Amino acid sequence: METRTLLLTRPNLPVIKIAPPGSPWMEENMAASTTHPSSSPPLPSPEGSTKSKHQQNGTESPSASTPPPPSVTRLWRPVAQRNLRNQWSKLASYNQEWSSSSLSARSHATSLVNSYMNAMELGVLSDMPDIRKKACWKLFKQQVIVFQILCHSWDLHRRKLLSSYKDMVAVLVHMVNTSRSMRSFIKGTSSPLVQFSSFSEDKNDNGDGGGIPVYTFWSISSFEDLAYELVQMFRLELNLKRLLVVELLSISSDEVPINRVCWLDELYTGEFDDLFRVKVVENMLKDQLLQCSLSSKYLNYYLFEWQVYLTTWLAEVNIDTYRVDEIFATVGEEMHVSLT
């Protein structure tokens, strides 16, 4: 059996490197994490480069093809327009699916963290009458957690969190495939009828109509550049969210010990194949393994850390929502359709 070693690029964000509450290091880095990101790059100009970011990264042909004859161009343009509308409509739909799956996962992660209230040392609060009972009952009434069967409860939320994460990976796979399907290639050049397909049958045909504008101003490569920028945000965010999932799945306690989850563990069957498709993983040496696990000994200390994880998850720090909205709005304006 072939052995494949890999390293999932672990994001290096200060917001998830936790220090005890109130420490100077923590205050400094929390302040840095709230700094607004730099201004977004400009949208492509009408005279944009004929080499898209896909081409620059080696996923497409290295240069624009020679413009086809006018008779073929007249047939190619409506086909290309229809294909672009379909692909960008899919991207808009996947954007909504991502948001839904992310919120669902965050809810399950919150429930998982809340389920450890029974195992927590409450410190000075333990002197208050029935404080644990009241807190648990409040969470129960909100349908956040069922405390009567801790083992079943924790396993349930772990599985739901993992299921939502799997949905997010699937969304990114679809987004990547869609971003790579924006070109329309001439099919069957020997046939008297001009037909088109989503893959090339001629090495001289790049599927971009020779770099001509598809609608009013933009060439195929301009649309691809924006799709690449969009997908890259979600790719980075998925990398971060996988780290958070690994950390949350590693939560343990004396009552219900669990198998520790390692950064290089496959979280579900086929996950590594999916991550390779979207280029979230890289081939590296096995000895660069990074283990992520929490011990019940530090349960109370890590409660603060878990809350930061939940906040980080909700913030989606790698996704500039204003830029995402701007991309969809501007692309929709160029294509004369609404993508929101």
Foldseek 3Di string as FASTA:
>chain_A
DDDFFWDQDADDQLLLPDDFPPDPSNVVRVVVLPDDDDDDDDAADLPGDQQFVCLVVPNAPVGFFAFDPPVVLVVLLVVLLVLLVVLLLLVLVLVVQLVVLLVQLLLLLVLLLLLCLVVDDPPPCVPPPCPSVVSVVVCVVVVSFDNPDSVVGNVVSLVSNLVSLVSLLVSLLSLVVSLLQSFWEWPDPVDPDTDIDSDYPDPSHRRFSRQDDSFPRGTSSSLSNLSVVQSVLSLVLSSNVLVLSLQSVQDAAPVGGDDHGWSPDDSDPCNVVSCVSSVSMGGDDNVVTDGHHDDNVCSVSCSVSSVSSSVCSVVSSSDDVVSVVVSQVVVCVRSVHHSD
